[in-house]
């Protein structure tokens, strides 16, 4: 991932370098170094940044302001357990139906229905 790619990701997520670092649970200086081409992200960090970008997420600034240093809500996208569940949802229609039924009991944090 090039310095320009990282800058574009941040702009797409509408976040600062510090906010991206908090989301990735890394030192904010690393993001600055990546963007200046002084250092390069690890494979793990690249995968996490790509997951953030694919989610089209806007980082939850208000949540982080109220909980400094706490991981952001999209850090779960790097959790392999989450992707295992997603694969099972796609492979097993009956599991998908059960999840849909269960999900009806919970509010959608995005404020949409579905």
N, C-alpha and C. Protein backbone atom coordinates (compact mmCIF):
# COMPACT_ATOMS: atom_id res chain seq x y z
N UNK A 1 0.87 -1.17 0.00
CA UNK A 1 0.00 0.00 0.00
C UNK A 1 0.91 1.23 0.00
N UNK A 2 0.72 2.09 -0.96
CA UNK A 2 1.58 3.26 -1.12
C UNK A 2 1.16 4.39 -0.18
N UNK A 3 2.05 5.37 0.02
CA UNK A 3 1.67 6.54 0.82
C UNK A 3 0.40 7.22 0.29
N UNK A 4 0.29 7.29 -1.03
CA UNK A 4 -0.90 7.92 -1.63
C UNK A 4 -2.16 7.11 -1.35
N UNK A 5 -2.03 5.78 -1.35
CA UNK A 5 -3.18 4.92 -1.03
C UNK A 5 -3.66 5.15 0.40
N UNK A 6 -2.71 5.31 1.30
CA UNK A 6 -3.07 5.51 2.71
C UNK A 6 -3.76 6.86 2.88
N UNK A 7 -3.24 7.89 2.23
CA UNK A 7 -3.88 9.21 2.29
C UNK A 7 -5.29 9.15 1.70
N UNK A 8 -5.43 8.45 0.59
CA UNK A 8 -6.75 8.32 -0.05
C UNK A 8 -7.72 7.57 0.86
N UNK A 9 -7.24 6.54 1.53
CA UNK A 9 -8.07 5.80 2.46
C UNK A 9 -8.57 6.72 3.56
N UNK A 10 -7.67 7.49 4.16
CA UNK A 10 -8.06 8.41 5.22
C UNK A 10 -9.10 9.41 4.74
N UNK A 11 -8.88 9.94 3.55
CA UNK A 11 -9.85 10.91 3.01
C UNK A 11 -11.20 10.24 2.80
N UNK A 12 -11.18 9.02 2.29
CA UNK A 12 -12.42 8.28 2.09
C UNK A 12 -13.14 7.98 3.39
N UNK A 13 -12.37 7.75 4.44
CA UNK A 13 -12.95 7.47 5.76
C UNK A 13 -13.26 8.75 6.52
N UNK A 14 -12.82 9.87 5.97
CA UNK A 14 -13.00 11.17 6.61
C UNK A 14 -12.46 11.17 8.03
N UNK A 15 -11.19 10.78 8.14
CA UNK A 15 -10.56 10.75 9.46
C UNK A 15 -9.16 11.33 9.38
N UNK A 16 -8.63 11.67 10.53
CA UNK A 16 -7.25 12.16 10.64
C UNK A 16 -6.30 10.97 10.74
N UNK A 17 -5.02 11.26 10.62
CA UNK A 17 -4.01 10.21 10.79
C UNK A 17 -4.09 9.62 12.20
N UNK A 18 -4.32 10.48 13.16
CA UNK A 18 -4.42 10.01 14.55
C UNK A 18 -5.63 9.09 14.72
N UNK A 19 -6.76 9.46 14.11
CA UNK A 19 -7.96 8.62 14.21
C UNK A 19 -7.76 7.27 13.53
N UNK A 20 -7.07 7.27 12.39
CA UNK A 20 -6.79 6.00 11.72
C UNK A 20 -5.89 5.14 12.60
N UNK A 21 -4.90 5.77 13.21
CA UNK A 21 -3.99 5.03 14.11
C UNK A 21 -4.77 4.43 15.28
N UNK A 22 -5.68 5.19 15.85
CA UNK A 22 -6.49 4.65 16.95
C UNK A 22 -7.32 3.47 16.49
N UNK A 23 -7.87 3.58 15.30
CA UNK A 23 -8.68 2.51 14.74
C UNK A 23 -7.84 1.24 14.55
N UNK A 24 -6.61 1.43 14.11
CA UNK A 24 -5.72 0.30 13.86
C UNK A 24 -4.97 -0.15 15.12
N UNK A 25 -5.13 0.62 16.19
CA UNK A 25 -4.46 0.34 17.47
C UNK A 25 -2.95 0.36 17.31
N UNK A 26 -2.47 1.43 16.67
CA UNK A 26 -1.04 1.60 16.46
C UNK A 26 -0.64 3.01 16.87
N UNK A 27 0.66 3.26 16.92
CA UNK A 27 1.19 4.58 17.24
C UNK A 27 0.84 5.55 16.11
N UNK A 28 0.28 6.71 16.44
CA UNK A 28 -0.07 7.68 15.39
C UNK A 28 1.12 8.10 14.52
N UNK A 29 2.32 8.05 15.07
CA UNK A 29 3.50 8.41 14.27
C UNK A 29 3.72 7.45 13.11
N UNK A 30 3.26 6.22 13.24
CA UNK A 30 3.40 5.25 12.15
C UNK A 30 2.62 5.69 10.92
N UNK A 31 1.40 6.15 11.13
CA UNK A 31 0.58 6.59 9.99
C UNK A 31 1.28 7.76 9.29
N UNK A 32 1.79 8.69 10.07
CA UNK A 32 2.51 9.83 9.48
C UNK A 32 3.72 9.34 8.68
N UNK A 33 4.47 8.41 9.25
CA UNK A 33 5.64 7.85 8.55
C UNK A 33 5.23 7.13 7.27
N UNK A 34 4.12 6.39 7.31
CA UNK A 34 3.64 5.69 6.11
C UNK A 34 3.30 6.69 5.02
N UNK A 35 2.59 7.74 5.41
CA UNK A 35 2.16 8.73 4.42
C UNK A 35 3.33 9.52 3.84
N UNK A 36 4.42 9.61 4.59
CA UNK A 36 5.60 10.31 4.09
C UNK A 36 6.57 9.35 3.39
N UNK A 37 6.24 8.08 3.36
CA UNK A 37 7.08 7.09 2.70
C UNK A 37 8.34 6.74 3.47
N UNK A 38 8.37 7.09 4.76
CA UNK A 38 9.55 6.79 5.58
C UNK A 38 9.53 5.36 6.11
N UNK A 39 8.34 4.82 6.28
CA UNK A 39 8.16 3.44 6.73
C UNK A 39 7.00 2.87 5.94
N UNK A 40 6.81 1.56 6.03
CA UNK A 40 5.74 0.91 5.29
C UNK A 40 4.93 0.03 6.24
N UNK A 41 3.61 -0.04 6.02
CA UNK A 41 2.77 -0.85 6.91
C UNK A 41 3.04 -2.34 6.75
N UNK A 42 2.78 -3.07 7.83
CA UNK A 42 2.91 -4.52 7.79
C UNK A 42 1.75 -5.10 6.99
N UNK A 43 1.87 -6.35 6.64
CA UNK A 43 0.79 -7.02 5.91
C UNK A 43 -0.50 -6.96 6.72
N UNK A 44 -0.40 -7.17 8.02
CA UNK A 44 -1.57 -7.13 8.90
C UNK A 44 -2.24 -5.75 8.85
N UNK A 45 -1.42 -4.69 8.93
CA UNK A 45 -1.98 -3.33 8.88
C UNK A 45 -2.62 -3.03 7.53
N UNK A 46 -1.99 -3.51 6.45
CA UNK A 46 -2.56 -3.32 5.11
C UNK A 46 -3.91 -4.01 5.02
N UNK A 47 -4.00 -5.24 5.52
CA UNK A 47 -5.26 -5.98 5.48
C UNK A 47 -6.34 -5.26 6.27
N UNK A 48 -5.98 -4.73 7.43
CA UNK A 48 -6.94 -4.02 8.26
C UNK A 48 -7.39 -2.73 7.57
N UNK A 49 -6.46 -2.02 6.93
CA UNK A 49 -6.83 -0.79 6.23
C UNK A 49 -7.73 -1.10 5.05
N UNK A 50 -7.44 -2.17 4.33
CA UNK A 50 -8.29 -2.55 3.20
C UNK A 50 -9.69 -2.91 3.67
N UNK A 51 -9.77 -3.62 4.80
CA UNK A 51 -11.08 -3.97 5.34
C UNK A 51 -11.87 -2.71 5.71
N UNK A 52 -11.20 -1.73 6.28
CA UNK A 52 -11.87 -0.47 6.60
C UNK A 52 -12.37 0.20 5.33
N UNK A 53 -11.51 0.23 4.32
CA UNK A 53 -11.89 0.86 3.06
C UNK A 53 -13.05 0.16 2.39
N UNK A 54 -13.04 -1.18 2.39
CA UNK A 54 -14.11 -1.94 1.76
C UNK A 54 -15.43 -1.76 2.49
N UNK A 55 -15.35 -1.54 3.79
CA UNK A 55 -16.58 -1.33 4.55
C UNK A 55 -17.18 0.03 4.26
N UNK A 56 -16.38 0.93 3.67
CA UNK A 56 -16.88 2.26 3.37
C UNK A 56 -17.25 3.01 4.62
N UNK A 57 -16.53 2.72 5.68
CA UNK A 57 -16.88 3.24 7.00
C UNK A 57 -16.38 4.66 7.22
N UNK A 58 -17.17 5.44 7.92
CA UNK A 58 -16.72 6.71 8.45
C UNK A 58 -16.41 6.43 9.91
N UNK A 59 -15.20 6.68 10.32
CA UNK A 59 -14.81 6.36 11.68
C UNK A 59 -15.64 7.15 12.68
N UNK A 60 -15.97 6.50 13.76
CA UNK A 60 -16.85 7.08 14.78
C UNK A 60 -16.05 8.01 15.69
N UNK A 61 -15.89 9.25 15.26
CA UNK A 61 -15.10 10.22 16.01
C UNK A 61 -15.66 10.46 17.41
N UNK A 62 -16.94 10.59 17.53
CA UNK A 62 -17.52 10.89 18.83
C UNK A 62 -17.25 9.79 19.84
N UNK A 63 -17.30 8.55 19.40
CA UNK A 63 -17.05 7.44 20.31
C UNK A 63 -15.61 7.49 20.81
N UNK A 64 -14.66 7.75 19.92
CA UNK A 64 -13.27 7.79 20.34
C UNK A 64 -12.98 8.97 21.25
N UNK A 65 -13.64 10.10 21.03
CA UNK A 65 -13.42 11.26 21.88
C UNK A 65 -13.87 10.97 23.30
N UNK A 66 -14.93 10.19 23.44
CA UNK A 66 -15.42 9.88 24.78
C UNK A 66 -14.64 8.75 25.43
N UNK A 67 -13.88 7.98 24.63
CA UNK A 67 -13.10 6.87 25.16
C UNK A 67 -11.70 6.90 24.56
N UNK A 68 -10.86 7.85 24.99
CA UNK A 68 -9.52 7.95 24.39
C UNK A 68 -8.76 6.63 24.48
N UNK A 69 -8.14 6.26 23.39
CA UNK A 69 -7.32 5.06 23.35
C UNK A 69 -8.11 3.78 23.14
N UNK A 70 -9.44 3.86 23.19
CA UNK A 70 -10.26 2.67 22.99
C UNK A 70 -10.29 2.32 21.50
N UNK A 71 -10.27 1.03 21.17
CA UNK A 71 -10.35 0.66 19.76
C UNK A 71 -11.67 1.11 19.16
N UNK A 72 -11.64 1.51 17.91
CA UNK A 72 -12.84 1.96 17.23
C UNK A 72 -13.74 0.80 16.86
N UNK A 73 -14.96 1.10 16.48
CA UNK A 73 -15.92 0.03 16.18
C UNK A 73 -15.55 -0.80 14.97
N UNK A 74 -14.76 -0.26 14.05
CA UNK A 74 -14.42 -1.00 12.85
C UNK A 74 -13.17 -1.86 13.01
N UNK A 75 -12.56 -1.83 14.19
CA UNK A 75 -11.40 -2.68 14.41
C UNK A 75 -11.81 -4.16 14.38
N UNK A 76 -13.09 -4.44 14.60
CA UNK A 76 -13.57 -5.83 14.53
C UNK A 76 -13.45 -6.41 13.14
N UNK A 77 -13.33 -5.55 12.12
CA UNK A 77 -13.20 -6.06 10.76
C UNK A 77 -11.92 -6.87 10.57
N UNK A 78 -10.96 -6.69 11.46
CA UNK A 78 -9.72 -7.45 11.37
C UNK A 78 -9.80 -8.78 12.13
N UNK A 79 -10.93 -9.03 12.78
CA UNK A 79 -11.09 -10.24 13.59
C UNK A 79 -11.47 -11.43 12.70
N UNK A 80 -10.64 -12.43 12.67
CA UNK A 80 -10.88 -13.61 11.83
C UNK A 80 -12.17 -14.33 12.24
N UNK A 81 -12.55 -14.26 13.51
CA UNK A 81 -13.79 -14.90 13.96
C UNK A 81 -15.01 -14.28 13.27
N UNK A 82 -14.97 -12.97 13.08
CA UNK A 82 -16.06 -12.30 12.37
C UNK A 82 -16.19 -12.85 10.95
N UNK A 83 -15.07 -12.98 10.25
CA UNK A 83 -15.10 -13.45 8.87
C UNK A 83 -15.50 -14.91 8.78
N UNK A 84 -15.21 -15.69 9.81
CA UNK A 84 -15.67 -17.08 9.85
C UNK A 84 -17.19 -17.11 9.91
N UNK A 85 -17.77 -16.24 10.73
CA UNK A 85 -19.23 -16.16 10.81
C UNK A 85 -19.82 -15.71 9.47
N UNK A 86 -19.20 -14.74 8.84
CA UNK A 86 -19.69 -14.25 7.55
C UNK A 86 -19.67 -15.37 6.52
N UNK A 87 -18.58 -16.14 6.48
CA UNK A 87 -18.52 -17.26 5.53
C UNK A 87 -19.63 -18.28 5.80
N UNK A 88 -19.89 -18.55 7.09
CA UNK A 88 -20.96 -19.48 7.44
C UNK A 88 -22.32 -18.93 7.03
N UNK A 89 -22.51 -17.61 7.20
CA UNK A 89 -23.77 -17.00 6.77
C UNK A 89 -24.00 -17.19 5.28
N UNK A 90 -22.96 -17.03 4.52
CA UNK A 90 -23.06 -17.16 3.07
C UNK A 90 -23.26 -18.61 2.63
N UNK A 91 -22.70 -19.53 3.38
CA UNK A 91 -22.75 -20.94 2.98
C UNK A 91 -24.00 -21.68 3.46
N UNK A 92 -24.65 -21.16 4.50
CA UNK A 92 -25.76 -21.89 5.11
C UNK A 92 -27.00 -21.01 5.20
N UNK A 93 -27.93 -21.13 4.24
CA UNK A 93 -29.14 -20.30 4.24
C UNK A 93 -29.95 -20.38 5.53
N UNK A 94 -30.00 -21.57 6.14
CA UNK A 94 -30.77 -21.70 7.38
C UNK A 94 -30.13 -20.91 8.52
N UNK A 95 -28.82 -20.82 8.53
CA UNK A 95 -28.11 -20.00 9.52
C UNK A 95 -28.42 -18.52 9.29
N UNK A 96 -28.42 -18.11 8.02
CA UNK A 96 -28.74 -16.73 7.67
C UNK A 96 -30.13 -16.37 8.18
N UNK A 97 -31.10 -17.25 7.98
CA UNK A 97 -32.47 -16.99 8.43
C UNK A 97 -32.52 -16.86 9.95
N UNK A 98 -31.80 -17.70 10.66
CA UNK A 98 -31.78 -17.62 12.12
C UNK A 98 -31.16 -16.31 12.58
N UNK A 99 -30.13 -15.87 11.90
CA UNK A 99 -29.49 -14.60 12.25
C UNK A 99 -30.43 -13.44 11.97
N UNK A 100 -31.13 -13.48 10.84
CA UNK A 100 -32.11 -12.42 10.53
C UNK A 100 -33.16 -12.34 11.63
N UNK A 101 -33.65 -13.46 12.08
CA UNK A 101 -34.66 -13.48 13.14
C UNK A 101 -34.10 -12.90 14.43
N UNK A 102 -32.90 -13.30 14.77
CA UNK A 102 -32.24 -12.78 15.98
C UNK A 102 -31.99 -11.28 15.87
N UNK A 103 -31.57 -10.83 14.70
CA UNK A 103 -31.22 -9.42 14.50
C UNK A 103 -32.42 -8.50 14.66
N UNK A 104 -33.62 -9.00 14.46
CA UNK A 104 -34.82 -8.17 14.61
C UNK A 104 -34.96 -7.64 16.03
N UNK A 105 -34.34 -8.30 16.99
CA UNK A 105 -34.44 -7.89 18.39
C UNK A 105 -33.51 -6.73 18.73
N UNK A 106 -32.61 -6.35 17.82
CA UNK A 106 -31.59 -5.35 18.09
C UNK A 106 -31.76 -4.14 17.20
N UNK A 107 -31.46 -2.95 17.77
CA UNK A 107 -31.47 -1.73 16.98
C UNK A 107 -30.29 -1.73 16.03
N UNK A 108 -30.49 -1.16 14.85
CA UNK A 108 -29.42 -1.00 13.87
C UNK A 108 -28.65 0.27 14.20
N UNK A 109 -27.35 0.18 14.52
CA UNK A 109 -26.59 1.38 14.88
C UNK A 109 -26.48 2.37 13.73
N UNK A 110 -26.70 1.93 12.50
CA UNK A 110 -26.66 2.83 11.36
C UNK A 110 -27.99 3.55 11.18
N UNK A 111 -28.99 3.15 11.93
CA UNK A 111 -30.29 3.80 11.84
C UNK A 111 -31.12 3.36 10.65
N UNK A 112 -30.68 2.29 9.97
CA UNK A 112 -31.43 1.78 8.82
C UNK A 112 -32.15 0.50 9.23
N UNK A 113 -32.96 0.01 8.36
CA UNK A 113 -33.68 -1.25 8.64
C UNK A 113 -33.22 -2.30 7.66
N UNK A 114 -33.24 -3.55 8.12
CA UNK A 114 -32.87 -4.60 7.17
C UNK A 114 -32.56 -5.88 7.82
